[in-house]
């Protein structure tokens, strides 16, 4: 085990095969090339759950007949975000239904295993979906949008990627790390939302998700009025640019949208939340 770590730069989590993630009772299963859940992600997800549960009235209902709080996790990877949010809400006796999507078969298999391992398969549905497919939003909403859209998308620039630790570059999926336009089998750029990839700013996936929010978010949200409806993890130095994307999305009625930035335990601006402003 030690030789494998030293000679192959294999991350400890991959050697052990598990990674703890609050508030999940059991550690998540992890295996390459699906990304290892990070503590900074764990931090903002817990903060988001607290925001949802403590937001002003009307509170998220715990009545047995209440419709479930519906959330979409885009690029779920190991399933850590969807599973942690489901566990947080369920522990507070709140009805919740999560849709966790990814396009990588390895990630889908792992997230499905983790949902079963955490006894959350009944509230976390793992589905294959390609964010850049023209039918992405329509296939998922089925006429009923989500109360919350979350994502920890690829956001590392190509320039930053070459400077990453060898243990990351050798073992973790580049496609889940680098925020760039990817190539399809026919060699054409993955079009919608990817036009700015040449700038290498890492924001391609955010642009695409924001462009779909009108279709993805429920017209009549079941969330508390001041709870976030969008939550993104971002790379260092990207938070203000992602805030601008969200504000531009609602430029016509920006007074109704409020964004804020959450710092991680090391003081880095790590997540951007957006919510409808109380009227």
Protein backbone atom coordinates (compact mmCIF):
# COMPACT_ATOMS: atom_id res chain seq x y z
CA UNK A 1 0.00 0.00 0.00
CA UNK A 2 2.73 2.46 0.98
CA UNK A 3 4.80 1.63 -2.11
CA UNK A 4 1.76 2.20 -4.33
CA UNK A 5 1.23 5.63 -2.78
CA UNK A 6 4.87 6.67 -2.98
CA UNK A 7 5.75 5.25 -6.40
CA UNK A 8 2.43 5.84 -8.12
CA UNK A 9 1.33 9.11 -6.48
CA UNK A 10 -1.92 7.38 -5.59
CA UNK A 11 -4.09 9.50 -3.24
CA UNK A 12 -4.76 7.95 0.15
CA UNK A 13 -8.54 8.02 -0.37
CA UNK A 14 -8.14 5.83 -3.45
CA UNK A 15 -5.88 3.46 -1.55
CA UNK A 16 -8.39 3.16 1.29
CA UNK A 17 -11.37 3.19 -1.06
CA UNK A 18 -13.43 5.52 1.13
CA UNK A 19 -13.73 9.18 2.11
CA UNK A 20 -15.81 10.59 5.01
CA UNK A 21 -18.30 13.32 4.12
CA UNK A 22 -20.52 15.02 6.69
CA UNK A 23 -23.28 14.20 7.62
CA UNK A 24 -23.22 10.79 5.95
CA UNK A 25 -23.10 7.97 8.47
CA UNK A 26 -20.81 5.80 6.38
CA UNK A 27 -17.78 7.02 4.41
CA UNK A 28 -18.37 7.43 0.69
CA UNK A 29 -16.92 4.83 -1.62
CA UNK A 30 -14.26 6.38 -3.87
CA UNK A 31 -12.27 4.99 -6.77
CA UNK A 32 -10.40 6.45 -9.72
CA UNK A 33 -11.04 8.31 -11.90
CA UNK A 34 -14.09 9.83 -10.14
CA UNK A 35 -13.06 12.87 -8.11
CA UNK A 36 -12.37 12.48 -4.41
CA UNK A 37 -14.79 14.64 -2.37
CA UNK A 38 -12.95 17.58 -0.79
CA UNK A 39 -13.40 19.14 2.67
CA UNK A 40 -14.10 22.54 1.10
CA UNK A 41 -17.08 21.00 -0.70
CA UNK A 42 -18.25 19.38 2.52
CA UNK A 43 -18.09 22.79 4.21
CA UNK A 44 -20.28 24.75 1.77
CA UNK A 45 -22.77 21.89 1.40
CA UNK A 46 -23.32 21.89 5.17
CA UNK A 47 -23.68 25.67 5.06
CA UNK A 48 -26.23 25.38 2.24
CA UNK A 49 -28.28 22.79 4.14
CA UNK A 50 -28.35 25.07 7.17
CA UNK A 51 -29.55 27.96 4.98
CA UNK A 52 -32.39 25.85 3.60
CA UNK A 53 -33.52 24.61 7.00
CA UNK A 54 -33.30 27.95 8.82
CA UNK A 55 -34.60 30.30 6.11
CA UNK A 56 -37.53 32.54 6.85
CA UNK A 57 -41.15 31.52 6.44
CA UNK A 58 -42.77 29.69 4.91
CA UNK A 59 -40.56 26.91 6.31
CA UNK A 60 -39.78 23.77 4.38
CA UNK A 61 -42.71 21.58 5.34
CA UNK A 62 -42.32 18.36 7.29
CA UNK A 63 -45.98 17.37 6.79
CA UNK A 64 -46.37 13.84 5.37
CA UNK A 65 -48.53 15.11 2.50
CA UNK A 66 -46.26 18.03 1.58
CA UNK A 67 -44.61 17.88 -1.85
CA UNK A 68 -40.91 17.06 -1.56
CA UNK A 69 -38.19 19.67 -1.90
CA UNK A 70 -36.70 18.91 -5.32
CA UNK A 71 -33.03 19.45 -6.07
CA UNK A 72 -30.81 18.81 -9.06
CA UNK A 73 -27.10 18.03 -8.70
CA UNK A 74 -25.28 18.52 -12.01
CA UNK A 75 -22.03 16.55 -12.39
CA UNK A 76 -22.62 14.45 -9.29
CA UNK A 77 -19.40 12.40 -9.40
CA UNK A 78 -19.38 10.25 -6.28
CA UNK A 79 -22.81 11.61 -5.36
CA UNK A 80 -21.42 13.43 -2.33
CA UNK A 81 -23.40 16.70 -2.70
CA UNK A 82 -26.79 15.16 -3.44
CA UNK A 83 -26.39 12.51 -0.75
CA UNK A 84 -25.20 14.96 1.91
CA UNK A 85 -28.04 17.40 1.21
CA UNK A 86 -30.57 14.57 1.26
CA UNK A 87 -29.16 13.34 4.58
CA UNK A 88 -29.24 16.83 6.09
CA UNK A 89 -32.86 17.40 5.09
CA UNK A 90 -34.02 13.93 5.99
CA UNK A 91 -32.43 14.20 9.44
CA UNK A 92 -34.60 17.29 9.95
CA UNK A 93 -37.65 15.24 8.88
CA UNK A 94 -38.09 17.13 5.62
CA UNK A 95 -39.39 15.52 2.44
CA UNK A 96 -36.74 15.66 -0.29
CA UNK A 97 -36.21 14.26 -3.79
CA UNK A 98 -32.81 14.58 -5.45
CA UNK A 99 -31.84 14.01 -9.07
CA UNK A 100 -28.09 13.47 -9.42
CA UNK A 101 -26.78 13.53 -12.99
CA UNK A 102 -23.47 12.83 -14.67
CA UNK A 103 -22.32 11.74 -18.11
CA UNK A 104 -19.39 9.54 -17.01
CA UNK A 105 -20.33 5.83 -16.62
CA UNK A 106 -17.75 5.40 -13.85
CA UNK A 107 -19.27 8.26 -11.86
CA UNK A 108 -22.82 7.03 -12.39
CA UNK A 109 -21.93 3.56 -11.14
CA UNK A 110 -20.15 4.95 -8.08
CA UNK A 111 -22.93 7.41 -7.18
CA UNK A 112 -25.50 4.61 -7.48
CA UNK A 113 -23.45 2.42 -5.14
CA UNK A 114 -23.07 5.28 -2.66
CA UNK A 115 -26.81 6.02 -2.67
CA UNK A 116 -27.50 2.39 -1.80
CA UNK A 117 -24.70 2.32 0.80
CA UNK A 118 -26.19 5.37 2.55
CA UNK A 119 -29.75 3.95 2.33
CA UNK A 120 -30.78 6.98 0.29
CA UNK A 121 -31.68 5.33 -3.02
CA UNK A 122 -35.33 6.12 -2.39
CA UNK A 123 -34.69 9.88 -2.41
CA UNK A 124 -31.61 10.22 -4.64
CA UNK A 125 -32.11 9.16 -8.25
CA UNK A 126 -28.88 8.85 -10.25
CA UNK A 127 -29.34 9.53 -13.97
CA UNK A 128 -27.14 9.79 -17.03
CA UNK A 129 -27.33 13.22 -18.65
CA UNK A 130 -25.06 15.41 -20.74
CA UNK A 131 -25.22 19.08 -19.75
CA UNK A 132 -24.43 20.15 -23.31
CA UNK A 133 -27.20 18.09 -24.89
CA UNK A 134 -29.98 20.27 -26.35
CA UNK A 135 -32.53 18.14 -24.50
CA UNK A 136 -30.81 18.29 -21.09
CA UNK A 137 -33.35 20.49 -19.29
CA UNK A 138 -36.46 19.07 -20.93
CA UNK A 139 -35.46 15.49 -20.16
CA UNK A 140 -34.95 16.21 -16.47
CA UNK A 141 -37.78 18.59 -15.57
CA UNK A 142 -40.59 16.68 -17.29
CA UNK A 143 -42.83 19.72 -16.83
CA UNK A 144 -41.92 20.24 -13.17
CA UNK A 145 -38.80 22.22 -12.28
CA UNK A 146 -36.45 22.02 -9.32
CA UNK A 147 -36.40 24.08 -6.13
CA UNK A 148 -32.60 24.09 -6.06
CA UNK A 149 -29.89 23.56 -8.67
CA UNK A 150 -26.43 22.73 -7.32
CA UNK A 151 -23.20 21.96 -9.10
CA UNK A 152 -19.51 21.52 -8.49
CA UNK A 153 -18.61 21.61 -12.18
CA UNK A 154 -15.18 21.44 -13.85
CA UNK A 155 -13.64 24.88 -13.26
CA UNK A 156 -9.87 24.54 -13.38
CA UNK A 157 -8.26 26.32 -16.33
CA UNK A 158 -5.94 24.50 -18.70
CA UNK A 159 -3.07 26.66 -17.47
CA UNK A 160 -3.81 25.70 -13.86
CA UNK A 161 -4.20 22.02 -14.68
CA UNK A 162 -0.58 21.55 -15.72
CA UNK A 163 0.48 22.93 -12.33
CA UNK A 164 -1.66 20.53 -10.28
CA UNK A 165 -0.09 17.94 -8.03
CA UNK A 166 0.89 14.78 -9.95
CA UNK A 167 -1.42 12.73 -7.71
CA UNK A 168 -4.39 14.66 -9.12
CA UNK A 169 -3.33 14.62 -12.78
CA UNK A 170 -2.40 10.95 -12.70
CA UNK A 171 -5.49 9.62 -10.99
CA UNK A 172 -8.51 11.95 -11.22
CA UNK A 173 -10.63 12.50 -14.32
CA UNK A 174 -9.38 15.50 -16.29
CA UNK A 175 -12.84 16.00 -17.75
CA UNK A 176 -14.27 16.51 -14.27
CA UNK A 177 -11.58 19.05 -13.38
CA UNK A 178 -10.97 21.33 -16.36
CA UNK A 179 -13.65 23.85 -17.28
CA UNK A 180 -13.23 23.92 -21.04
CA UNK A 181 -15.17 23.12 -24.20
CA UNK A 182 -14.78 19.43 -24.91
CA UNK A 183 -14.66 17.69 -28.27
CA UNK A 184 -17.27 15.26 -29.48
CA UNK A 185 -16.36 12.23 -31.52
CA UNK A 186 -16.90 14.17 -34.75
CA UNK A 187 -14.35 16.79 -33.66
CA UNK A 188 -16.83 19.65 -33.31
CA UNK A 189 -16.87 21.79 -30.18
CA UNK A 190 -19.57 20.92 -27.69
CA UNK A 191 -21.37 24.06 -28.79
CA UNK A 192 -23.94 25.64 -26.51
CA UNK A 193 -22.23 27.36 -23.64
CA UNK A 194 -18.76 26.41 -24.84
CA UNK A 195 -18.04 29.32 -27.15
CA UNK A 196 -15.87 31.11 -24.62
CA UNK A 197 -13.66 28.08 -23.93
CA UNK A 198 -10.78 29.60 -25.86
CA UNK A 199 -10.49 32.24 -23.16
CA UNK A 200 -9.48 29.46 -20.73
CA UNK A 201 -11.29 31.10 -17.82
CA UNK A 202 -12.80 27.84 -16.50
CA UNK A 203 -16.36 29.20 -16.68
CA UNK A 204 -17.77 27.20 -19.58
CA UNK A 205 -19.95 24.95 -17.42
CA UNK A 206 -21.30 27.84 -15.35
CA UNK A 207 -22.35 29.67 -18.52
CA UNK A 208 -24.18 26.61 -19.76
CA UNK A 209 -25.97 25.94 -16.47
CA UNK A 210 -27.00 29.59 -16.05
CA UNK A 211 -28.37 29.59 -19.61
CA UNK A 212 -30.71 26.73 -18.58
CA UNK A 213 -31.90 28.03 -15.21
CA UNK A 214 -35.18 29.41 -16.56
CA UNK A 215 -36.02 25.87 -17.69
CA UNK A 216 -34.58 24.03 -14.68
CA UNK A 217 -36.01 26.03 -11.79
CA UNK A 218 -39.61 25.56 -10.71
CA UNK A 219 -41.91 28.47 -11.50
CA UNK A 220 -43.50 28.05 -8.07
CA UNK A 221 -40.73 26.99 -5.73
CA UNK A 222 -41.43 24.80 -2.71
CA UNK A 223 -38.36 26.20 -0.98
CA UNK A 224 -38.48 28.80 1.79
CA UNK A 225 -38.50 32.25 0.22
CA UNK A 226 -35.00 33.23 1.34
CA UNK A 227 -33.35 29.85 0.73
CA UNK A 228 -30.85 29.56 -2.13
CA UNK A 229 -32.21 28.33 -5.46
CA UNK A 230 -28.75 28.02 -7.05
CA UNK A 231 -25.48 26.95 -5.43
CA UNK A 232 -22.18 26.58 -7.26
CA UNK A 233 -18.74 25.59 -6.07
CA UNK A 234 -16.13 27.80 -7.75
CA UNK A 235 -12.38 27.90 -8.18
CA UNK A 236 -10.14 30.40 -6.46
CA UNK A 237 -10.70 33.85 -7.95
CA UNK A 238 -13.86 32.89 -9.87
CA UNK A 239 -16.60 33.83 -7.40
CA UNK A 240 -17.20 37.38 -8.60
CA UNK A 241 -17.32 36.33 -12.26
CA UNK A 242 -19.90 33.64 -11.45
CA UNK A 243 -21.91 36.19 -9.47
CA UNK A 244 -21.96 38.39 -12.56
CA UNK A 245 -23.22 35.51 -14.69
CA UNK A 246 -26.12 35.00 -12.29
CA UNK A 247 -26.94 38.69 -12.12
CA UNK A 248 -26.81 39.01 -15.91
CA UNK A 249 -29.23 36.08 -16.13
CA UNK A 250 -31.80 38.10 -14.20
CA UNK A 251 -30.72 41.55 -15.38
CA UNK A 252 -34.29 42.63 -16.18
CA UNK A 253 -35.44 42.06 -12.60
CA UNK A 254 -32.14 41.95 -10.72
CA UNK A 255 -33.77 43.51 -7.66
CA UNK A 256 -35.44 40.14 -7.09
CA UNK A 257 -32.18 38.17 -7.10
CA UNK A 258 -29.56 38.24 -4.39
CA UNK A 259 -26.19 36.50 -4.53
CA UNK A 260 -23.62 35.90 -1.87
CA UNK A 261 -20.25 34.21 -1.61
CA UNK A 262 -19.28 31.57 0.94
CA UNK A 263 -15.65 31.25 2.02
CA UNK A 264 -14.13 27.90 2.84
CA UNK A 265 -12.31 27.18 6.13
CA UNK A 266 -9.10 28.55 4.58
CA UNK A 267 -10.65 31.90 3.68
CA UNK A 268 -11.00 31.22 -0.06
CA UNK A 269 -14.20 32.28 -1.82
CA UNK A 270 -15.45 28.78 -2.58
CA UNK A 271 -19.19 28.86 -3.32
CA UNK A 272 -21.74 31.23 -4.82
CA UNK A 273 -25.38 31.07 -3.73
CA UNK A 274 -28.29 32.85 -5.38
CA UNK A 275 -31.74 33.33 -3.89
CA UNK A 276 -34.88 35.28 -4.53
CA UNK A 277 -34.91 38.41 -2.42
CA UNK A 278 -37.68 38.75 0.15
CA UNK A 279 -40.31 41.17 -1.08
